[in-house]
N, C-alpha and C. Protein backbone atom coordinates (compact mmCIF):
# COMPACT_ATOMS: atom_id res chain seq x y z
N MET A 1 0.85 -1.18 0.00
CA MET A 1 0.00 0.00 0.00
C MET A 1 0.89 1.24 0.00
N VAL A 2 0.60 2.14 -0.90
CA VAL A 2 1.39 3.36 -1.05
C VAL A 2 0.70 4.49 -0.28
N GLN A 3 1.49 5.25 0.44
CA GLN A 3 0.96 6.37 1.21
C GLN A 3 0.59 7.52 0.27
N ALA A 4 -0.32 8.36 0.72
CA ALA A 4 -0.77 9.49 -0.09
C ALA A 4 0.37 10.48 -0.33
N SER A 5 1.25 10.65 0.65
CA SER A 5 2.37 11.57 0.48
C SER A 5 3.31 11.10 -0.64
N GLU A 6 3.49 9.77 -0.75
CA GLU A 6 4.32 9.24 -1.83
C GLU A 6 3.63 9.41 -3.18
N LEU A 7 2.31 9.25 -3.19
CA LEU A 7 1.56 9.43 -4.43
C LEU A 7 1.62 10.88 -4.91
N ARG A 8 1.63 11.82 -3.98
CA ARG A 8 1.66 13.25 -4.35
C ARG A 8 3.00 13.63 -4.98
N LYS A 9 4.05 12.87 -4.66
CA LYS A 9 5.37 13.15 -5.24
C LYS A 9 5.46 12.66 -6.68
N MET A 10 4.58 11.72 -7.08
CA MET A 10 4.61 11.17 -8.44
C MET A 10 4.05 12.19 -9.43
N ASN A 11 4.49 12.05 -10.70
CA ASN A 11 3.90 12.90 -11.73
C ASN A 11 2.67 12.21 -12.31
N SER A 12 1.99 12.86 -13.23
CA SER A 12 0.71 12.35 -13.73
C SER A 12 0.85 11.03 -14.47
N GLU A 13 1.95 10.85 -15.22
CA GLU A 13 2.15 9.59 -15.95
C GLU A 13 2.35 8.42 -14.98
N GLU A 14 3.12 8.65 -13.93
CA GLU A 14 3.33 7.60 -12.93
C GLU A 14 2.03 7.25 -12.22
N LEU A 15 1.21 8.27 -11.96
CA LEU A 15 -0.08 8.02 -11.31
C LEU A 15 -0.99 7.19 -12.21
N LYS A 16 -1.01 7.50 -13.52
CA LYS A 16 -1.82 6.71 -14.44
C LYS A 16 -1.37 5.26 -14.45
N GLU A 17 -0.06 5.06 -14.47
CA GLU A 17 0.49 3.71 -14.46
C GLU A 17 0.13 2.98 -13.17
N HIS A 18 0.18 3.71 -12.07
CA HIS A 18 -0.17 3.11 -10.76
C HIS A 18 -1.64 2.69 -10.74
N VAL A 19 -2.51 3.51 -11.29
CA VAL A 19 -3.94 3.16 -11.34
C VAL A 19 -4.14 1.91 -12.20
N LYS A 20 -3.44 1.84 -13.33
CA LYS A 20 -3.55 0.66 -14.19
C LYS A 20 -3.15 -0.61 -13.44
N GLU A 21 -2.02 -0.53 -12.72
CA GLU A 21 -1.55 -1.69 -11.96
C GLU A 21 -2.58 -2.10 -10.91
N GLN A 22 -3.14 -1.11 -10.22
CA GLN A 22 -4.11 -1.42 -9.18
C GLN A 22 -5.40 -2.01 -9.76
N LEU A 23 -5.82 -1.51 -10.91
CA LEU A 23 -7.01 -2.08 -11.56
C LEU A 23 -6.76 -3.53 -11.98
N TYR A 24 -5.55 -3.79 -12.46
CA TYR A 24 -5.20 -5.16 -12.83
C TYR A 24 -5.22 -6.06 -11.60
N GLU A 25 -4.66 -5.56 -10.50
CA GLU A 25 -4.64 -6.33 -9.25
C GLU A 25 -6.06 -6.57 -8.74
N LYS A 26 -6.90 -5.57 -8.84
CA LYS A 26 -8.30 -5.72 -8.41
C LYS A 26 -9.00 -6.80 -9.24
N GLN A 27 -8.78 -6.76 -10.55
CA GLN A 27 -9.39 -7.77 -11.42
C GLN A 27 -8.91 -9.17 -11.06
N LYS A 28 -7.63 -9.28 -10.75
CA LYS A 28 -7.05 -10.57 -10.36
C LYS A 28 -7.70 -11.07 -9.07
N PHE A 29 -7.86 -10.17 -8.11
CA PHE A 29 -8.49 -10.55 -6.83
C PHE A 29 -9.94 -10.97 -7.03
N LEU A 30 -10.65 -10.26 -7.90
CA LEU A 30 -12.05 -10.60 -8.15
C LEU A 30 -12.18 -11.98 -8.79
N GLN A 31 -11.22 -12.35 -9.63
CA GLN A 31 -11.24 -13.68 -10.22
C GLN A 31 -10.93 -14.75 -9.18
N GLN A 32 -10.00 -14.44 -8.28
CA GLN A 32 -9.63 -15.39 -7.23
C GLN A 32 -10.72 -15.51 -6.17
N LYS A 33 -11.57 -14.52 -6.09
CA LYS A 33 -12.64 -14.52 -5.09
C LYS A 33 -13.57 -15.73 -5.27
N HIS A 34 -13.81 -16.13 -6.51
CA HIS A 34 -14.69 -17.26 -6.77
C HIS A 34 -14.09 -18.58 -6.30
N SER A 35 -12.78 -18.65 -6.26
CA SER A 35 -12.14 -19.88 -5.78
C SER A 35 -11.77 -19.78 -4.30
N LYS A 36 -12.21 -18.72 -3.64
CA LYS A 36 -12.00 -18.52 -2.19
C LYS A 36 -10.52 -18.46 -1.81
N LYS A 37 -9.68 -17.92 -2.69
CA LYS A 37 -8.25 -17.84 -2.38
C LYS A 37 -7.83 -16.45 -1.92
N VAL A 38 -8.77 -15.53 -1.82
CA VAL A 38 -8.42 -14.16 -1.47
C VAL A 38 -9.34 -13.69 -0.35
N GLN A 39 -8.77 -12.84 0.49
CA GLN A 39 -9.54 -12.27 1.60
C GLN A 39 -10.32 -11.04 1.09
N PRO A 40 -11.53 -10.82 1.60
CA PRO A 40 -12.29 -9.64 1.17
C PRO A 40 -11.56 -8.33 1.47
N PHE A 41 -10.74 -8.34 2.52
CA PHE A 41 -10.00 -7.14 2.88
C PHE A 41 -9.05 -6.71 1.76
N ASP A 42 -8.46 -7.70 1.05
CA ASP A 42 -7.52 -7.37 -0.03
C ASP A 42 -8.22 -6.59 -1.15
N ILE A 43 -9.42 -7.02 -1.49
CA ILE A 43 -10.19 -6.32 -2.54
C ILE A 43 -10.52 -4.91 -2.08
N ARG A 44 -10.92 -4.79 -0.83
CA ARG A 44 -11.27 -3.48 -0.27
C ARG A 44 -10.06 -2.55 -0.26
N ARG A 45 -8.89 -3.10 0.12
CA ARG A 45 -7.66 -2.32 0.18
C ARG A 45 -7.29 -1.78 -1.20
N VAL A 46 -7.42 -2.64 -2.22
CA VAL A 46 -7.08 -2.22 -3.58
C VAL A 46 -8.06 -1.16 -4.07
N ARG A 47 -9.36 -1.34 -3.78
CA ARG A 47 -10.35 -0.34 -4.19
C ARG A 47 -10.05 1.01 -3.58
N LYS A 48 -9.70 1.00 -2.29
CA LYS A 48 -9.40 2.26 -1.61
C LYS A 48 -8.14 2.91 -2.18
N GLU A 49 -7.17 2.10 -2.54
CA GLU A 49 -5.94 2.66 -3.11
C GLU A 49 -6.20 3.27 -4.49
N ILE A 50 -7.06 2.62 -5.27
CA ILE A 50 -7.43 3.18 -6.58
C ILE A 50 -8.11 4.53 -6.38
N THR A 51 -9.02 4.58 -5.43
CA THR A 51 -9.75 5.83 -5.15
C THR A 51 -8.79 6.93 -4.68
N ARG A 52 -7.86 6.56 -3.81
CA ARG A 52 -6.89 7.54 -3.30
C ARG A 52 -6.04 8.09 -4.45
N THR A 53 -5.60 7.21 -5.32
CA THR A 53 -4.76 7.63 -6.44
C THR A 53 -5.54 8.54 -7.40
N LYS A 54 -6.78 8.18 -7.68
CA LYS A 54 -7.59 9.02 -8.58
C LYS A 54 -7.88 10.37 -7.96
N GLN A 55 -8.06 10.42 -6.64
CA GLN A 55 -8.29 11.69 -5.96
C GLN A 55 -7.06 12.59 -6.08
N ILE A 56 -5.89 12.01 -5.93
CA ILE A 56 -4.66 12.80 -6.04
C ILE A 56 -4.46 13.26 -7.48
N GLN A 57 -4.84 12.43 -8.46
CA GLN A 57 -4.79 12.85 -9.86
C GLN A 57 -5.68 14.07 -10.07
N TYR A 58 -6.87 14.04 -9.49
CA TYR A 58 -7.81 15.15 -9.63
C TYR A 58 -7.25 16.42 -8.97
N GLU A 59 -6.64 16.27 -7.80
CA GLU A 59 -6.04 17.43 -7.13
C GLU A 59 -4.95 18.05 -8.00
N LYS A 60 -4.12 17.22 -8.60
CA LYS A 60 -3.05 17.73 -9.46
C LYS A 60 -3.63 18.45 -10.68
N LYS A 61 -4.72 17.90 -11.23
CA LYS A 61 -5.38 18.53 -12.38
C LYS A 61 -5.90 19.91 -11.99
N LEU A 62 -6.50 20.01 -10.80
CA LEU A 62 -7.00 21.31 -10.33
C LEU A 62 -5.86 22.31 -10.13
N GLU A 63 -4.74 21.83 -9.58
CA GLU A 63 -3.59 22.72 -9.39
C GLU A 63 -3.10 23.27 -10.74
N GLU A 64 -3.07 22.40 -11.75
CA GLU A 64 -2.66 22.84 -13.08
C GLU A 64 -3.65 23.87 -13.63
N PHE A 65 -4.95 23.62 -13.41
CA PHE A 65 -5.97 24.57 -13.87
C PHE A 65 -5.79 25.92 -13.20
N VAL A 66 -5.52 25.92 -11.91
CA VAL A 66 -5.36 27.18 -11.18
C VAL A 66 -4.19 27.97 -11.76
N GLU A 67 -3.07 27.28 -12.01
CA GLU A 67 -1.91 27.96 -12.58
C GLU A 67 -2.21 28.48 -13.99
N GLN A 68 -2.90 27.67 -14.77
CA GLN A 68 -3.17 28.02 -16.16
C GLN A 68 -4.13 29.19 -16.28
N TYR A 69 -5.16 29.23 -15.44
CA TYR A 69 -6.22 30.24 -15.57
C TYR A 69 -6.11 31.35 -14.53
N LYS A 70 -4.95 31.48 -13.89
CA LYS A 70 -4.78 32.50 -12.84
C LYS A 70 -4.98 33.91 -13.39
N THR A 71 -4.45 34.18 -14.57
CA THR A 71 -4.55 35.53 -15.14
C THR A 71 -5.67 35.65 -16.17
N SER A 72 -6.31 34.55 -16.49
CA SER A 72 -7.35 34.55 -17.52
C SER A 72 -8.68 35.08 -16.98
N LYS A 73 -9.46 35.67 -17.86
CA LYS A 73 -10.79 36.13 -17.48
C LYS A 73 -11.75 34.95 -17.39
N PHE A 74 -11.57 33.96 -18.25
CA PHE A 74 -12.41 32.75 -18.26
C PHE A 74 -11.98 31.82 -17.14
N ILE A 75 -12.95 31.29 -16.41
CA ILE A 75 -12.67 30.31 -15.35
C ILE A 75 -13.43 29.03 -15.68
N PRO A 76 -12.76 27.88 -15.75
CA PRO A 76 -13.47 26.65 -16.05
C PRO A 76 -14.43 26.25 -14.94
N LYS A 77 -15.40 25.41 -15.27
CA LYS A 77 -16.43 25.03 -14.31
C LYS A 77 -15.86 24.38 -13.06
N GLU A 78 -14.77 23.62 -13.22
CA GLU A 78 -14.18 22.93 -12.08
C GLU A 78 -13.68 23.89 -11.00
N LEU A 79 -13.34 25.12 -11.42
CA LEU A 79 -12.79 26.09 -10.47
C LEU A 79 -13.83 27.08 -9.96
N ARG A 80 -15.02 27.08 -10.54
CA ARG A 80 -16.05 28.01 -10.10
C ARG A 80 -16.68 27.54 -8.80
N ARG A 81 -17.29 28.49 -8.08
CA ARG A 81 -17.97 28.14 -6.84
C ARG A 81 -19.17 27.27 -7.14
N LYS A 82 -19.41 26.30 -6.28
CA LYS A 82 -20.55 25.40 -6.48
C LYS A 82 -21.77 26.00 -5.80
N LEU A 83 -22.73 26.45 -6.61
CA LEU A 83 -23.96 27.05 -6.11
C LEU A 83 -25.13 26.32 -6.74
N ASN A 84 -26.31 26.52 -6.16
CA ASN A 84 -27.48 25.96 -6.83
C ASN A 84 -27.91 26.89 -7.97
N LYS A 85 -28.85 26.44 -8.77
CA LYS A 85 -29.22 27.18 -9.98
C LYS A 85 -29.78 28.56 -9.65
N ALA A 86 -30.60 28.64 -8.60
CA ALA A 86 -31.21 29.92 -8.23
C ALA A 86 -30.14 30.95 -7.87
N LYS A 87 -29.12 30.52 -7.12
CA LYS A 87 -28.06 31.46 -6.74
C LYS A 87 -27.18 31.83 -7.91
N ARG A 88 -26.94 30.88 -8.83
CA ARG A 88 -26.13 31.18 -10.01
C ARG A 88 -26.82 32.20 -10.91
N LEU A 89 -28.15 32.11 -11.04
CA LEU A 89 -28.88 32.98 -11.95
C LEU A 89 -29.41 34.24 -11.28
N ALA A 90 -29.22 34.37 -9.98
CA ALA A 90 -29.74 35.53 -9.25
C ALA A 90 -29.00 36.80 -9.67
N LEU A 91 -29.66 37.94 -9.46
CA LEU A 91 -29.04 39.23 -9.77
C LEU A 91 -27.93 39.52 -8.78
N THR A 92 -26.93 40.26 -9.22
CA THR A 92 -25.88 40.69 -8.32
C THR A 92 -26.40 41.86 -7.49
N ASP A 93 -25.69 42.24 -6.45
CA ASP A 93 -26.11 43.36 -5.61
C ASP A 93 -26.17 44.66 -6.42
N GLU A 94 -25.23 44.83 -7.33
CA GLU A 94 -25.22 46.03 -8.16
C GLU A 94 -26.46 46.08 -9.05
N GLN A 95 -26.84 44.93 -9.60
CA GLN A 95 -28.02 44.89 -10.46
C GLN A 95 -29.30 45.11 -9.66
N LYS A 96 -29.34 44.58 -8.43
CA LYS A 96 -30.53 44.74 -7.58
C LYS A 96 -30.75 46.20 -7.21
N ASN A 97 -29.67 46.92 -6.91
CA ASN A 97 -29.77 48.28 -6.41
C ASN A 97 -29.79 49.33 -7.52
N LYS A 98 -29.71 48.92 -8.75
CA LYS A 98 -29.70 49.87 -9.85
C LYS A 98 -31.07 50.54 -9.98
N MET A 99 -31.04 51.88 -10.19
CA MET A 99 -32.30 52.65 -10.29
C MET A 99 -32.32 53.44 -11.59
N SER A 100 -33.52 53.72 -12.02
CA SER A 100 -33.67 54.56 -13.21
C SER A 100 -33.40 56.01 -12.80
N ARG A 101 -33.26 56.88 -13.79
CA ARG A 101 -32.99 58.30 -13.51
C ARG A 101 -34.15 58.91 -12.72
N ALA A 102 -35.39 58.58 -13.09
CA ALA A 102 -36.56 59.13 -12.41
C ALA A 102 -36.58 58.70 -10.94
N MET A 103 -36.24 57.44 -10.67
CA MET A 103 -36.23 56.96 -9.28
C MET A 103 -35.14 57.66 -8.47
N ARG A 104 -33.97 57.89 -9.09
CA ARG A 104 -32.89 58.59 -8.38
C ARG A 104 -33.33 60.01 -8.00
N TYR A 105 -33.96 60.73 -8.94
CA TYR A 105 -34.43 62.09 -8.65
C TYR A 105 -35.52 62.07 -7.59
N GLN A 106 -36.40 61.09 -7.66
CA GLN A 106 -37.47 61.00 -6.66
C GLN A 106 -36.89 60.75 -5.27
N ASN A 107 -35.88 59.87 -5.19
CA ASN A 107 -35.24 59.60 -3.90
C ASN A 107 -34.48 60.81 -3.37
N MET A 108 -33.90 61.59 -4.29
CA MET A 108 -33.21 62.80 -3.85
C MET A 108 -34.21 63.84 -3.37
N LYS A 109 -35.34 63.94 -4.06
CA LYS A 109 -36.35 64.95 -3.73
C LYS A 109 -37.10 64.60 -2.46
N TYR A 110 -37.42 63.32 -2.31
CA TYR A 110 -38.17 62.85 -1.13
C TYR A 110 -37.38 61.75 -0.42
N PRO A 111 -36.39 62.12 0.36
CA PRO A 111 -35.60 61.08 1.04
C PRO A 111 -36.44 60.37 2.11
N LYS A 112 -36.04 59.15 2.42
CA LYS A 112 -36.74 58.39 3.45
C LYS A 112 -36.50 59.05 4.79
N LYS A 113 -37.56 59.21 5.56
CA LYS A 113 -37.42 59.84 6.86
C LYS A 113 -37.25 58.76 7.91
N VAL A 114 -36.32 59.00 8.81
CA VAL A 114 -36.05 58.05 9.88
C VAL A 114 -36.44 58.70 11.19
N TYR A 115 -37.35 58.07 11.90
CA TYR A 115 -37.81 58.60 13.17
C TYR A 115 -37.17 57.81 14.30
N SER A 116 -36.83 58.51 15.36
CA SER A 116 -36.20 57.83 16.49
C SER A 116 -37.21 57.48 17.56
N PHE A 117 -38.48 57.79 17.36
CA PHE A 117 -39.51 57.48 18.34
C PHE A 117 -39.82 55.99 18.29
N ASN A 118 -39.80 55.35 19.46
CA ASN A 118 -40.12 53.93 19.53
C ASN A 118 -41.28 53.77 20.51
N PRO A 119 -42.49 53.45 20.06
CA PRO A 119 -43.65 53.39 20.95
C PRO A 119 -43.61 52.22 21.93
N LEU A 120 -42.75 51.24 21.71
CA LEU A 120 -42.72 50.06 22.58
C LEU A 120 -41.94 50.29 23.86
N LYS A 121 -41.16 51.34 23.94
CA LYS A 121 -40.35 51.57 25.14
C LYS A 121 -41.09 52.38 26.16
């Protein structure tokens, strides 16, 4: 079993090769499972190692994206904030507070009055 710190030191080609080896080993264990020559823990260990390796591959891909698109105006979907559809399509604060010329003049002419009287006290 390879530690995550060792996997992070590998480059992307080595990680791909490592995943291939682990998939081959998993397939071998699944074939041996029918003849009862393998422990279930071995299959589980290999599955977890494949997942760990693929996660580190994804992290490296994101790091490359960050470096590549740091100065770019376009940001790929993988780097954007994850929001629901309503929040993605909602108006920005600037758009919400935008007023027409007539509304601006009306607000200047008749400002909101703030009273300090509180009848509950």
